[in-house]
Amino acid sequence: MRTRCCPGAREQGVETVGLFVTETNDRARRFYERFGFRDTGEREPLESNPRLQCLRMVRTVIPAR
């Protein structure tokens, strides 16, 4: 993730990258947290199963100079 996602975003001048993960997927949440993603507090239902909630996680990307 770090070697593919963020450097490409950085080169394009992107300041923040984000994703959604289901609240019940603790393993995925910990994985993304290890790469600097943080929970924004934003929630929305999973489209394929509205009983599940997704949380938004974001990571700040420092643009290339």
C-alpha atoms as a PDB file:
ATOM      1  CA  MET A   1       0.000   0.000   0.000  1.00  0.00           C
ATOM      2  CA  ARG A   2       2.671   2.459   0.973  1.00  0.00           C
ATOM      3  CA  THR A   3       4.759   1.702  -2.091  1.00  0.00           C
ATOM      4  CA  ARG A   4       1.853   1.816  -4.568  1.00  0.00           C
ATOM      5  CA  CYS A   5      -0.911   4.109  -3.363  1.00  0.00           C
ATOM      6  CA  CYS A   6       0.625   7.039  -1.574  1.00  0.00           C
ATOM      7  CA  PRO A   7       3.680   7.800  -3.743  1.00  0.00           C
ATOM      8  CA  GLY A   8       1.424   7.936  -6.814  1.00  0.00           C
ATOM      9  CA  ALA A   9      -0.979  10.238  -5.011  1.00  0.00           C
ATOM     10  CA  ARG A  10       1.930  12.366  -3.783  1.00  0.00           C
ATOM     11  CA  GLU A  11       3.277  12.774  -7.321  1.00  0.00           C
ATOM     12  CA  GLN A  12      -0.141  14.001  -8.467  1.00  0.00           C
ATOM     13  CA  GLY A  13      -0.349  16.558  -5.652  1.00  0.00           C
ATOM     14  CA  VAL A  14      -3.089  14.751  -3.708  1.00  0.00           C
ATOM     15  CA  GLU A  15      -3.194  15.847  -0.061  1.00  0.00           C
ATOM     16  CA  THR A  16      -5.453  13.134   1.399  1.00  0.00           C
ATOM     17  CA  VAL A  17      -6.361   9.575   0.420  1.00  0.00           C
ATOM     18  CA  GLY A  18      -9.351   7.780   1.899  1.00  0.00           C
ATOM     19  CA  LEU A  19     -11.221   4.525   2.001  1.00  0.00           C
ATOM     20  CA  PHE A  20     -14.209   2.849   3.626  1.00  0.00           C
ATOM     21  CA  VAL A  21     -14.053  -0.346   5.684  1.00  0.00           C
ATOM     22  CA  THR A  22     -16.833  -2.146   7.549  1.00  0.00           C
ATOM     23  CA  GLU A  23     -16.905  -1.421  11.274  1.00  0.00           C
ATOM     24  CA  THR A  24     -16.788  -5.132  12.069  1.00  0.00           C
ATOM     25  CA  ASN A  25     -13.607  -5.762  10.057  1.00  0.00           C
ATOM     26  CA  ASP A  26     -11.096  -5.164  12.865  1.00  0.00           C
ATOM     27  CA  ARG A  27      -8.268  -6.883  11.001  1.00  0.00           C
ATOM     28  CA  ALA A  28      -8.585  -4.523   8.021  1.00  0.00           C
ATOM     29  CA  ARG A  29      -8.887  -1.489  10.307  1.00  0.00           C
ATOM     30  CA  ARG A  30      -5.639  -2.401  12.085  1.00  0.00           C
ATOM     31  CA  PHE A  31      -3.942  -3.005   8.724  1.00  0.00           C
ATOM     32  CA  TYR A  32      -4.866   0.462   7.456  1.00  0.00           C
ATOM     33  CA  GLU A  33      -3.967   2.086  10.778  1.00  0.00           C
ATOM     34  CA  ARG A  34      -0.442   0.664  10.453  1.00  0.00           C
ATOM     35  CA  PHE A  35      -0.156   2.654   7.207  1.00  0.00           C
ATOM     36  CA  GLY A  36      -1.273   5.897   8.838  1.00  0.00           C
ATOM     37  CA  PHE A  37      -5.016   5.839   8.110  1.00  0.00           C
ATOM     38  CA  ARG A  38      -7.296   7.246  10.820  1.00  0.00           C
ATOM     39  CA  ASP A  39     -11.038   6.938  11.428  1.00  0.00           C
ATOM     40  CA  THR A  40     -12.853  10.185  10.555  1.00  0.00           C
ATOM     41  CA  GLY A  41     -16.011   9.286  12.474  1.00  0.00           C
ATOM     42  CA  GLU A  42     -18.000   9.317   9.223  1.00  0.00           C
ATOM     43  CA  ARG A  43     -20.287   6.300   8.765  1.00  0.00           C
ATOM     44  CA  GLU A  44     -22.509   5.027   5.972  1.00  0.00           C
ATOM     45  CA  PRO A  45     -24.308   1.761   5.241  1.00  0.00           C
ATOM     46  CA  LEU A  46     -22.617  -0.849   3.075  1.00  0.00           C
ATOM     47  CA  GLU A  47     -24.428  -0.813  -0.278  1.00  0.00           C
ATOM     48  CA  SER A  48     -24.587  -4.591  -0.608  1.00  0.00           C
ATOM     49  CA  ASN A  49     -25.770  -5.082   3.001  1.00  0.00           C
ATOM     50  CA  PRO A  50     -27.205  -1.902   4.595  1.00  0.00           C
ATOM     51  CA  ARG A  51     -27.264  -3.570   8.023  1.00  0.00           C
ATOM     52  CA  LEU A  52     -23.463  -3.205   8.073  1.00  0.00           C
ATOM     53  CA  GLN A  53     -21.906   0.196   8.636  1.00  0.00           C
ATOM     54  CA  CYS A  54     -18.757   1.356   6.880  1.00  0.00           C
ATOM     55  CA  LEU A  55     -16.401   3.834   8.446  1.00  0.00           C
ATOM     56  CA  ARG A  56     -14.258   6.263   6.510  1.00  0.00           C
ATOM     57  CA  MET A  57     -10.514   6.278   7.057  1.00  0.00           C
ATOM     58  CA  VAL A  58      -8.127   8.886   5.667  1.00  0.00           C
ATOM     59  CA  ARG A  59      -4.401   9.416   5.458  1.00  0.00           C
ATOM     60  CA  THR A  60      -2.642  12.696   4.824  1.00  0.00           C
ATOM     61  CA  VAL A  61      -0.193  12.576   1.929  1.00  0.00           C
ATOM     62  CA  ILE A  62       2.598  15.109   1.780  1.00  0.00           C
ATOM     63  CA  PRO A  63       2.755  16.384  -1.823  1.00  0.00           C
ATOM     64  CA  ALA A  64       6.058  16.035  -3.691  1.00  0.00           C
ATOM     65  CA  ARG A  65       8.053  19.221  -4.091  1.00  0.00           C
END
